[in-house]
Amino acid sequence: MGSTDIQLLQRRVRRTYELARLRRALVGVLPIVVVTAIVALLASRPAPPLTFGLATALMGAMMLWHGRDPQKAFLPGVIAGLVPLALALGTGALHTCGTANCSFLCIPACVLGGVVAGMAVSGVSLQRRAGPWFWVSASGLALLTGAMGCACMGASGVVGLGMGFGAGIVPGLLRRAFGKKDS
């Protein structure tokens, strides 16, 4: 076998390996696709959940395909994001959205969901002694998942989610930065 044959074989093996990883990643995001479809059916305006759902599925597939910390952050990020998503859908089901009702019920639900999601990501990250890529990946996926529900209220719902998430994750970041180091 010549060196070009070995190089060709190595490229073929590598391509097969990467395609298998990509297939696994696409299968891994199928639950996100199902959740996105359900949310779009339940939402009064289906375009925002579909947009954020597509972004969530793409980011999730990239995380699962990449591996390492982003892959480990996939499930905690999605689960944390389901809290604000469920709260937004629950309050949206309680009333017909209007300016006064949404600012009284839905937006506070998004903020509260964001706080819980931020605390969840922070807690899992601290427990696993995860690196920065885990924090960033889990946070991004949690925010995108929660935004599927909060975007139905417009930009104010997504901003509320982000503010709540920031408030929930800051204590964990401070603990990581200034906390006691294990010897």
N, C-alpha and C. Protein backbone atom coordinates (compact mmCIF):
# COMPACT_ATOMS: atom_id res chain seq x y z
N MET A 1 0.84 -1.18 0.00
CA MET A 1 0.00 0.00 0.00
C MET A 1 0.88 1.24 0.00
N GLY A 2 0.58 2.16 -0.91
CA GLY A 2 1.35 3.39 -0.97
C GLY A 2 0.83 4.41 0.03
N SER A 3 1.60 5.49 0.20
CA SER A 3 1.20 6.52 1.17
C SER A 3 -0.08 7.23 0.74
N THR A 4 -0.33 7.35 -0.56
CA THR A 4 -1.58 7.99 -1.00
C THR A 4 -2.77 7.10 -0.69
N ASP A 5 -2.60 5.79 -0.77
CA ASP A 5 -3.68 4.87 -0.42
C ASP A 5 -4.02 4.97 1.06
N ILE A 6 -3.01 5.07 1.89
CA ILE A 6 -3.23 5.19 3.33
C ILE A 6 -3.92 6.52 3.65
N GLN A 7 -3.50 7.59 3.02
CA GLN A 7 -4.13 8.89 3.25
C GLN A 7 -5.59 8.88 2.80
N LEU A 8 -5.85 8.25 1.65
CA LEU A 8 -7.22 8.15 1.16
C LEU A 8 -8.08 7.34 2.12
N LEU A 9 -7.54 6.25 2.61
CA LEU A 9 -8.25 5.41 3.57
C LEU A 9 -8.50 6.18 4.88
N GLN A 10 -7.51 6.93 5.35
CA GLN A 10 -7.69 7.73 6.57
C GLN A 10 -8.78 8.77 6.40
N ARG A 11 -8.81 9.43 5.25
CA ARG A 11 -9.86 10.42 5.00
C ARG A 11 -11.24 9.78 4.95
N ARG A 12 -11.32 8.62 4.34
CA ARG A 12 -12.61 7.92 4.24
C ARG A 12 -13.10 7.50 5.63
N VAL A 13 -12.19 6.97 6.44
CA VAL A 13 -12.54 6.57 7.81
C VAL A 13 -12.98 7.78 8.62
N ARG A 14 -12.24 8.87 8.50
CA ARG A 14 -12.58 10.09 9.24
C ARG A 14 -13.95 10.62 8.83
N ARG A 15 -14.24 10.63 7.53
CA ARG A 15 -15.53 11.10 7.03
C ARG A 15 -16.66 10.22 7.56
N THR A 16 -16.47 8.91 7.55
CA THR A 16 -17.47 7.98 8.06
C THR A 16 -17.71 8.21 9.55
N TYR A 17 -16.64 8.43 10.28
CA TYR A 17 -16.73 8.70 11.73
C TYR A 17 -17.52 9.98 11.99
N GLU A 18 -17.19 11.05 11.28
CA GLU A 18 -17.87 12.33 11.49
C GLU A 18 -19.34 12.27 11.09
N LEU A 19 -19.66 11.55 10.01
CA LEU A 19 -21.06 11.40 9.60
C LEU A 19 -21.86 10.62 10.65
N ALA A 20 -21.25 9.62 11.24
CA ALA A 20 -21.92 8.86 12.30
C ALA A 20 -22.19 9.76 13.51
N ARG A 21 -21.22 10.60 13.86
CA ARG A 21 -21.41 11.54 14.98
C ARG A 21 -22.52 12.55 14.66
N LEU A 22 -22.55 13.02 13.43
CA LEU A 22 -23.58 13.97 13.01
C LEU A 22 -24.96 13.32 13.06
N ARG A 23 -25.07 12.08 12.60
CA ARG A 23 -26.35 11.36 12.68
C ARG A 23 -26.81 11.22 14.12
N ARG A 24 -25.90 10.86 15.02
CA ARG A 24 -26.25 10.74 16.43
C ARG A 24 -26.70 12.08 17.00
N ALA A 25 -26.05 13.15 16.60
CA ALA A 25 -26.42 14.48 17.08
C ALA A 25 -27.82 14.86 16.59
N LEU A 26 -28.12 14.55 15.35
CA LEU A 26 -29.45 14.88 14.81
C LEU A 26 -30.55 14.06 15.49
N VAL A 27 -30.25 12.82 15.80
CA VAL A 27 -31.21 12.01 16.55
C VAL A 27 -31.38 12.57 17.96
N GLY A 28 -30.31 13.07 18.55
CA GLY A 28 -30.34 13.63 19.90
C GLY A 28 -31.20 14.87 20.02
N VAL A 29 -31.36 15.64 18.94
CA VAL A 29 -32.17 16.86 19.02
C VAL A 29 -33.62 16.63 18.61
N LEU A 30 -34.00 15.40 18.28
CA LEU A 30 -35.40 15.13 17.93
C LEU A 30 -36.38 15.53 19.03
N PRO A 31 -36.06 15.31 20.33
CA PRO A 31 -36.99 15.79 21.35
C PRO A 31 -37.20 17.31 21.31
N ILE A 32 -36.16 18.06 20.96
CA ILE A 32 -36.32 19.51 20.84
C ILE A 32 -37.26 19.85 19.69
N VAL A 33 -37.16 19.11 18.60
CA VAL A 33 -38.05 19.34 17.46
C VAL A 33 -39.49 19.06 17.86
N VAL A 34 -39.71 17.99 18.61
CA VAL A 34 -41.07 17.65 19.07
C VAL A 34 -41.60 18.74 20.00
N VAL A 35 -40.78 19.19 20.95
CA VAL A 35 -41.20 20.25 21.88
C VAL A 35 -41.51 21.53 21.10
N THR A 36 -40.69 21.85 20.11
CA THR A 36 -40.92 23.04 19.30
C THR A 36 -42.26 22.95 18.58
N ALA A 37 -42.57 21.81 18.02
CA ALA A 37 -43.85 21.64 17.31
C ALA A 37 -45.03 21.79 18.27
N ILE A 38 -44.91 21.22 19.46
CA ILE A 38 -45.99 21.33 20.45
C ILE A 38 -46.18 22.77 20.88
N VAL A 39 -45.08 23.45 21.16
CA VAL A 39 -45.15 24.85 21.59
C VAL A 39 -45.75 25.71 20.48
N ALA A 40 -45.37 25.48 19.24
CA ALA A 40 -45.90 26.25 18.12
C ALA A 40 -47.41 26.04 17.97
N LEU A 41 -47.87 24.82 18.25
CA LEU A 41 -49.31 24.54 18.18
C LEU A 41 -50.07 25.22 19.32
N LEU A 42 -49.45 25.30 20.50
CA LEU A 42 -50.11 25.89 21.66
C LEU A 42 -50.04 27.41 21.67
N ALA A 43 -49.05 27.98 21.02
CA ALA A 43 -48.82 29.42 21.09
C ALA A 43 -49.82 30.17 20.22
N SER A 44 -50.14 31.38 20.66
CA SER A 44 -51.04 32.22 19.87
C SER A 44 -50.34 32.72 18.61
N ARG A 45 -49.03 32.92 18.69
CA ARG A 45 -48.22 33.31 17.53
C ARG A 45 -47.15 32.24 17.35
N PRO A 46 -47.26 31.39 16.32
CA PRO A 46 -46.31 30.27 16.19
C PRO A 46 -44.93 30.66 15.67
N ALA A 47 -44.77 31.81 15.04
CA ALA A 47 -43.47 32.16 14.44
C ALA A 47 -42.34 32.27 15.48
N PRO A 48 -42.52 32.96 16.61
CA PRO A 48 -41.40 33.04 17.57
C PRO A 48 -40.96 31.69 18.13
N PRO A 49 -41.89 30.81 18.54
CA PRO A 49 -41.42 29.50 19.02
C PRO A 49 -40.71 28.69 17.93
N LEU A 50 -41.18 28.80 16.69
CA LEU A 50 -40.52 28.07 15.61
C LEU A 50 -39.11 28.61 15.37
N THR A 51 -38.96 29.93 15.43
CA THR A 51 -37.65 30.53 15.21
C THR A 51 -36.67 30.12 16.31
N PHE A 52 -37.10 30.28 17.57
CA PHE A 52 -36.21 29.90 18.68
C PHE A 52 -36.03 28.39 18.75
N GLY A 53 -37.04 27.63 18.38
CA GLY A 53 -36.92 26.17 18.36
C GLY A 53 -35.90 25.71 17.33
N LEU A 54 -35.90 26.34 16.16
CA LEU A 54 -34.91 26.00 15.14
C LEU A 54 -33.50 26.34 15.63
N ALA A 55 -33.37 27.51 16.25
CA ALA A 55 -32.05 27.90 16.78
C ALA A 55 -31.61 26.94 17.88
N THR A 56 -32.53 26.51 18.72
CA THR A 56 -32.21 25.56 19.78
C THR A 56 -31.77 24.23 19.20
N ALA A 57 -32.50 23.74 18.21
CA ALA A 57 -32.15 22.47 17.59
C ALA A 57 -30.78 22.54 16.90
N LEU A 58 -30.51 23.64 16.20
CA LEU A 58 -29.21 23.78 15.54
C LEU A 58 -28.07 23.86 16.54
N MET A 59 -28.26 24.66 17.59
CA MET A 59 -27.22 24.78 18.61
C MET A 59 -27.03 23.44 19.32
N GLY A 60 -28.12 22.77 19.63
CA GLY A 60 -28.03 21.47 20.29
C GLY A 60 -27.32 20.44 19.43
N ALA A 61 -27.62 20.43 18.13
CA ALA A 61 -26.96 19.48 17.24
C ALA A 61 -25.45 19.77 17.17
N MET A 62 -25.10 21.05 17.10
CA MET A 62 -23.67 21.39 17.07
C MET A 62 -22.99 20.98 18.37
N MET A 63 -23.67 21.17 19.50
CA MET A 63 -23.08 20.79 20.78
C MET A 63 -22.88 19.28 20.87
N LEU A 64 -23.90 18.53 20.46
CA LEU A 64 -23.80 17.07 20.51
C LEU A 64 -22.75 16.55 19.54
N TRP A 65 -22.64 17.15 18.38
CA TRP A 65 -21.66 16.73 17.40
C TRP A 65 -20.24 17.06 17.86
N HIS A 66 -20.08 18.25 18.47
CA HIS A 66 -18.74 18.69 18.90
C HIS A 66 -18.19 17.79 20.01
N GLY A 67 -19.05 17.46 20.97
CA GLY A 67 -18.60 16.63 22.09
C GLY A 67 -18.04 17.47 23.23
N ARG A 68 -17.34 16.83 24.13
CA ARG A 68 -16.67 17.45 25.27
C ARG A 68 -17.67 18.20 26.16
N ASP A 69 -17.26 19.37 26.68
CA ASP A 69 -18.12 20.13 27.59
C ASP A 69 -19.45 20.54 26.97
N PRO A 70 -19.48 21.01 25.72
CA PRO A 70 -20.79 21.35 25.15
C PRO A 70 -21.74 20.16 25.08
N GLN A 71 -21.22 18.98 24.78
CA GLN A 71 -22.08 17.80 24.74
C GLN A 71 -22.62 17.48 26.14
N LYS A 72 -21.77 17.61 27.15
CA LYS A 72 -22.20 17.35 28.52
C LYS A 72 -23.21 18.39 28.99
N ALA A 73 -23.18 19.59 28.41
CA ALA A 73 -24.08 20.66 28.82
C ALA A 73 -25.44 20.59 28.13
N PHE A 74 -25.57 19.73 27.15
CA PHE A 74 -26.81 19.67 26.37
C PHE A 74 -28.04 19.39 27.24
N LEU A 75 -28.05 18.28 27.93
CA LEU A 75 -29.22 17.90 28.72
C LEU A 75 -29.50 18.86 29.87
N PRO A 76 -28.51 19.27 30.67
CA PRO A 76 -28.81 20.26 31.71
C PRO A 76 -29.34 21.58 31.15
N GLY A 77 -28.83 22.00 30.01
CA GLY A 77 -29.30 23.24 29.40
C GLY A 77 -30.75 23.15 28.96
N VAL A 78 -31.10 22.05 28.29
CA VAL A 78 -32.48 21.88 27.83
C VAL A 78 -33.44 21.76 29.01
N ILE A 79 -33.07 20.98 30.00
CA ILE A 79 -33.95 20.79 31.16
C ILE A 79 -34.15 22.11 31.89
N ALA A 80 -33.08 22.88 32.07
CA ALA A 80 -33.21 24.18 32.74
C ALA A 80 -34.10 25.11 31.92
N GLY A 81 -34.02 25.07 30.61
CA GLY A 81 -34.83 25.93 29.76
C GLY A 81 -36.30 25.54 29.72
N LEU A 82 -36.60 24.29 30.08
CA LEU A 82 -38.01 23.87 30.09
C LEU A 82 -38.81 24.57 31.19
N VAL A 83 -38.14 25.03 32.24
CA VAL A 83 -38.84 25.72 33.33
C VAL A 83 -39.46 27.02 32.85
N PRO A 84 -38.70 27.97 32.27
CA PRO A 84 -39.35 29.18 31.79
C PRO A 84 -40.32 28.92 30.63
N LEU A 85 -40.02 27.92 29.82
CA LEU A 85 -40.93 27.57 28.74
C LEU A 85 -42.28 27.13 29.29
N ALA A 86 -42.26 26.25 30.28
CA ALA A 86 -43.51 25.76 30.87
C ALA A 86 -44.26 26.88 31.61
N LEU A 87 -43.53 27.72 32.32
CA LEU A 87 -44.18 28.83 33.02
C LEU A 87 -44.83 29.80 32.04
N ALA A 88 -44.14 30.10 30.95
CA ALA A 88 -44.70 31.02 29.95
C ALA A 88 -45.94 30.42 29.28
N LEU A 89 -45.86 29.15 28.94
CA LEU A 89 -47.03 28.50 28.33
C LEU A 89 -48.19 28.39 29.31
N GLY A 90 -47.87 28.11 30.57
CA GLY A 90 -48.92 28.00 31.58
C GLY A 90 -49.63 29.31 31.82
N THR A 91 -48.90 30.39 31.94
CA THR A 91 -49.56 31.69 32.15
C THR A 91 -50.26 32.15 30.89
N GLY A 92 -49.72 31.81 29.72
CA GLY A 92 -50.39 32.16 28.48
C GLY A 92 -51.71 31.44 28.32
N ALA A 93 -51.80 30.25 28.89
CA ALA A 93 -53.05 29.49 28.82
C ALA A 93 -54.10 30.00 29.80
N LEU A 94 -53.66 30.75 30.81
CA LEU A 94 -54.60 31.27 31.81
C LEU A 94 -55.42 32.45 31.32
N HIS A 95 -54.92 33.15 30.32
CA HIS A 95 -55.61 34.37 29.87
C HIS A 95 -55.34 34.61 28.39
N THR A 96 -56.10 35.52 27.83
CA THR A 96 -55.83 35.96 26.47
C THR A 96 -54.83 37.09 26.56
N CYS A 97 -53.74 36.94 25.84
CA CYS A 97 -52.67 37.92 25.93
C CYS A 97 -53.13 39.29 25.45
N GLY A 98 -52.82 40.25 26.24
CA GLY A 98 -53.03 41.65 25.94
C GLY A 98 -51.95 42.41 26.69
N THR A 99 -51.81 43.67 26.43
CA THR A 99 -50.72 44.42 27.02
C THR A 99 -50.73 44.37 28.54
N ALA A 100 -51.87 44.63 29.15
CA ALA A 100 -51.94 44.66 30.62
C ALA A 100 -51.76 43.27 31.22
N ASN A 101 -52.42 42.27 30.65
CA ASN A 101 -52.34 40.92 31.20
C ASN A 101 -50.94 40.34 31.10
N CYS A 102 -50.28 40.56 29.97
CA CYS A 102 -48.94 39.99 29.80
C CYS A 102 -47.93 40.61 30.74
N SER A 103 -48.05 41.90 30.97
CA SER A 103 -47.08 42.52 31.87
C SER A 103 -47.38 42.14 33.32
N PHE A 104 -48.58 41.72 33.60
CA PHE A 104 -48.94 41.33 34.96
C PHE A 104 -48.64 39.86 35.23
N LEU A 105 -48.84 38.99 34.24
CA LEU A 105 -48.66 37.55 34.45
C LEU A 105 -47.48 36.94 33.69
N CYS A 106 -47.47 37.13 32.40
CA CYS A 106 -46.51 36.40 31.55
C CYS A 106 -45.07 36.84 31.75
N ILE A 107 -44.85 38.13 31.76
CA ILE A 107 -43.46 38.61 31.89
C ILE A 107 -42.87 38.24 33.24
N PRO A 108 -43.60 38.41 34.35
CA PRO A 108 -43.04 37.92 35.62
C PRO A 108 -42.79 36.40 35.62
N ALA A 109 -43.63 35.65 34.89
CA ALA A 109 -43.39 34.20 34.79
C ALA A 109 -42.10 33.93 34.05
N CYS A 110 -41.81 34.71 33.01
CA CYS A 110 -40.55 34.55 32.27
C CYS A 110 -39.36 34.92 33.14
N VAL A 111 -39.49 35.99 33.92
CA VAL A 111 -38.40 36.38 34.82
C VAL A 111 -38.17 35.30 35.87
N LEU A 112 -39.23 34.82 36.49
CA LEU A 112 -39.11 33.76 37.49
C LEU A 112 -38.52 32.50 36.88
N GLY A 113 -38.99 32.12 35.69
CA GLY A 113 -38.44 30.96 35.01
C GLY A 113 -36.97 31.14 34.70
N GLY A 114 -36.58 32.36 34.33
CA GLY A 114 -35.18 32.65 34.06
C GLY A 114 -34.32 32.50 35.30
N VAL A 115 -34.84 32.98 36.44
CA VAL A 115 -34.09 32.84 37.70
C VAL A 115 -33.88 31.36 38.03
N VAL A 116 -34.94 30.58 37.91
CA VAL A 116 -34.84 29.15 38.22
C VAL A 116 -33.87 28.46 37.25
N ALA A 117 -33.96 28.79 35.96
CA ALA A 117 -33.07 28.19 34.97
C ALA A 117 -31.62 28.58 35.25
N GLY A 118 -31.38 29.84 35.59
CA GLY A 118 -30.02 30.28 35.90
C GLY A 118 -29.47 29.57 37.12
N MET A 119 -30.30 29.41 38.14
CA MET A 119 -29.86 28.70 39.33
C MET A 119 -29.59 27.23 39.03
N ALA A 120 -30.40 26.63 38.15
CA ALA A 120 -30.20 25.23 37.80
C ALA A 120 -28.89 25.03 37.04
N VAL A 121 -28.64 25.87 36.04
CA VAL A 121 -27.39 25.77 35.28
C VAL A 121 -26.20 25.99 36.21
N SER A 122 -26.31 26.98 37.06
CA SER A 122 -25.24 27.28 38.00
C SER A 122 -24.99 26.11 38.94
N GLY A 123 -26.06 25.54 39.47
CA GLY A 123 -25.92 24.42 40.40
C GLY A 123 -25.27 23.20 39.77
N VAL A 124 -25.71 22.86 38.57
CA VAL A 124 -25.13 21.70 37.88
C VAL A 124 -23.67 21.98 37.53
N SER A 125 -23.39 23.20 37.09
CA SER A 125 -22.02 23.55 36.72
C SER A 125 -21.07 23.48 37.92
N LEU A 126 -21.54 23.98 39.05
CA LEU A 126 -20.71 23.94 40.25
C LEU A 126 -20.52 22.51 40.75
N GLN A 127 -21.60 21.74 40.70
CA GLN A 127 -21.53 20.35 41.15
C GLN A 127 -20.54 19.55 40.31
N ARG A 128 -20.52 19.79 39.02
CA ARG A 128 -19.63 19.06 38.12
C ARG A 128 -18.23 19.68 38.03
N ARG A 129 -18.06 20.82 38.69
CA ARG A 129 -16.80 21.57 38.59
C ARG A 129 -16.45 21.79 37.11
N ALA A 130 -17.46 22.25 36.38
CA ALA A 130 -17.35 22.39 34.94
C ALA A 130 -16.55 23.63 34.54
N GLY A 131 -16.01 23.55 33.36
CA GLY A 131 -15.25 24.66 32.82
C GLY A 131 -16.16 25.69 32.16
N PRO A 132 -15.56 26.75 31.65
CA PRO A 132 -16.34 27.84 31.06
C PRO A 132 -17.20 27.42 29.86
N TRP A 133 -16.72 26.46 29.05
CA TRP A 133 -17.52 26.04 27.90
C TRP A 133 -18.79 25.34 28.32
N PHE A 134 -18.77 24.64 29.43
CA PHE A 134 -19.99 24.02 29.95
C PHE A 134 -20.98 25.11 30.34
N TRP A 135 -20.49 26.11 31.08
CA TRP A 135 -21.35 27.21 31.53
C TRP A 135 -21.98 27.93 30.34
N VAL A 136 -21.17 28.27 29.36
CA VAL A 136 -21.66 29.01 28.19
C VAL A 136 -22.64 28.17 27.39
N SER A 137 -22.31 26.90 27.17
CA SER A 137 -23.17 26.03 26.38
C SER A 137 -24.51 25.77 27.06
N ALA A 138 -24.48 25.43 28.33
CA ALA A 138 -25.72 25.16 29.06
C ALA A 138 -26.57 26.43 29.15
N SER A 139 -25.93 27.56 29.38
CA SER A 139 -26.66 28.83 29.47
C SER A 139 -27.34 29.17 28.15
N GLY A 140 -26.59 29.05 27.05
CA GLY A 140 -27.15 29.35 25.74
C GLY A 140 -28.33 28.47 25.40
N LEU A 141 -28.22 27.20 25.68
CA LEU A 141 -29.31 26.28 25.38
C LEU A 141 -30.51 26.51 26.28
N ALA A 142 -30.27 26.81 27.56
CA ALA A 142 -31.37 27.10 28.47
C ALA A 142 -32.12 28.36 28.03
N LEU A 143 -31.38 29.39 27.64
CA LEU A 143 -32.02 30.64 27.20
C LEU A 143 -32.81 30.44 25.91
N LEU A 144 -32.25 29.70 24.96
CA LEU A 144 -32.98 29.46 23.72
C LEU A 144 -34.23 28.62 23.94
N THR A 145 -34.13 27.61 24.79
CA THR A 145 -35.29 26.77 25.08
C THR A 145 -36.38 27.58 25.78
N GLY A 146 -36.00 28.37 26.77
CA GLY A 146 -36.98 29.20 27.46
C GLY A 146 -37.58 30.28 26.57
N ALA A 147 -36.78 30.78 25.64
CA ALA A 147 -37.26 31.83 24.74
C ALA A 147 -38.36 31.34 23.81
N MET A 148 -38.45 30.05 23.59
CA MET A 148 -39.55 29.52 22.77
C MET A 148 -40.90 29.93 23.36
N GLY A 149 -41.00 29.92 24.67
CA GLY A 149 -42.26 30.30 25.32
C GLY A 149 -42.34 31.79 25.58
N CYS A 150 -41.25 32.39 26.00
CA CYS A 150 -41.26 33.80 26.38
C CYS A 150 -41.35 34.74 25.18
N ALA A 151 -40.96 34.28 24.01
CA ALA A 151 -40.99 35.13 22.82
C ALA A 151 -42.42 35.43 22.37
N CYS A 152 -43.38 34.66 22.85
CA CYS A 152 -44.77 34.92 22.48
C CYS A 152 -45.25 36.26 23.02
N MET A 153 -44.59 36.76 24.05
CA MET A 153 -44.92 38.07 24.61
C MET A 153 -44.15 39.18 23.94
N GLY A 154 -43.32 38.83 22.99
CA GLY A 154 -42.50 39.82 22.31
C GLY A 154 -41.13 39.93 22.96
N ALA A 155 -40.46 41.02 22.63
CA ALA A 155 -39.10 41.22 23.13
C ALA A 155 -39.07 41.34 24.64
N SER A 156 -40.10 41.90 25.24
CA SER A 156 -40.10 42.07 26.69
C SER A 156 -40.08 40.73 27.42
N GLY A 157 -40.70 39.72 26.88
CA GLY A 157 -40.65 38.40 27.49
C GLY A 157 -39.26 37.80 27.44
N VAL A 158 -38.58 37.96 26.31
CA VAL A 158 -37.23 37.43 26.17
C VAL A 158 -36.25 38.22 27.04
N VAL A 159 -36.43 39.54 27.09
CA VAL A 159 -35.57 40.36 27.95
C VAL A 159 -35.78 39.98 29.42
N GLY A 160 -37.02 39.77 29.81
CA GLY A 160 -37.31 39.34 31.18
C GLY A 160 -36.67 38.00 31.49
N LEU A 161 -36.72 37.08 30.54
CA LEU A 161 -36.07 35.78 30.71
C LEU A 161 -34.58 35.97 30.91
N GLY A 162 -33.96 36.78 30.07
CA GLY A 162 -32.53 37.02 30.18
C GLY A 162 -32.13 37.67 31.48
N MET A 163 -32.93 38.65 31.93
CA MET A 163 -32.62 39.32 33.20
C MET A 163 -32.76 38.35 34.37
N GLY A 164 -33.81 37.56 34.34
CA GLY A 164 -33.99 36.57 35.39
C GLY A 164 -32.88 35.54 35.38
N PHE A 165 -32.49 35.10 34.19
CA PHE A 165 -31.41 34.12 34.09
C PHE A 165 -30.11 34.70 34.65
N GLY A 166 -29.83 35.94 34.28
CA GLY A 166 -28.63 36.60 34.80
C GLY A 166 -28.63 36.67 36.31
N ALA A 167 -29.79 37.02 36.88
CA ALA A 167 -29.90 37.10 38.34
C ALA A 167 -29.72 35.72 38.98
N GLY A 168 -30.18 34.68 38.30
CA GLY A 168 -30.06 33.34 38.86
C GLY A 168 -28.66 32.75 38.76
N ILE A 169 -27.91 33.15 37.74
CA ILE A 169 -26.60 32.53 37.53
C ILE A 169 -25.47 33.29 38.22
N VAL A 170 -25.68 34.57 38.53
CA VAL A 170 -24.62 35.39 39.12
C VAL A 170 -24.08 34.81 40.44
N PRO A 171 -24.92 34.37 41.36
CA PRO A 171 -24.35 33.81 42.60
C PRO A 171 -23.43 32.62 42.35
N GLY A 172 -23.79 31.77 41.41
CA GLY A 172 -22.93 30.63 41.09
C GLY A 172 -21.62 31.06 40.45
N LEU A 173 -21.69 32.07 39.57
CA LEU A 173 -20.46 32.57 38.96
C LEU A 173 -19.55 33.20 40.01
N LEU A 174 -20.14 33.93 40.95
CA LEU A 174 -19.34 34.52 42.02
C LEU A 174 -18.73 33.45 42.90
N ARG A 175 -19.50 32.42 43.17
CA ARG A 175 -18.98 31.32 44.00
C ARG A 175 -17.84 30.61 43.28
N ARG A 176 -17.98 30.45 41.98
CA ARG A 176 -16.91 29.81 41.20
C ARG A 176 -15.66 30.68 41.18
N ALA A 177 -15.86 31.99 41.03
CA ALA A 177 -14.72 32.89 40.91
C ALA A 177 -14.01 33.12 42.24
N PHE A 178 -14.79 33.27 43.31
CA PHE A 178 -14.20 33.66 44.60
C PHE A 178 -14.34 32.60 45.68
N GLY A 179 -14.94 31.48 45.32
CA GLY A 179 -15.17 30.44 46.32
C GLY A 179 -13.90 29.75 46.75
N LYS A 180 -14.06 28.95 47.78
CA LYS A 180 -12.95 28.19 48.33
C LYS A 180 -12.49 27.16 47.32
N LYS A 181 -11.22 27.07 47.07
CA LYS A 181 -10.65 26.09 46.14
C LYS A 181 -10.31 24.82 46.92
N ASP A 182 -10.65 23.67 46.28
CA ASP A 182 -10.29 22.39 46.91
C ASP A 182 -8.80 22.14 46.75
N SER A 183 -8.18 21.58 47.79
CA SER A 183 -6.74 21.31 47.73
C SER A 183 -6.46 19.96 47.17
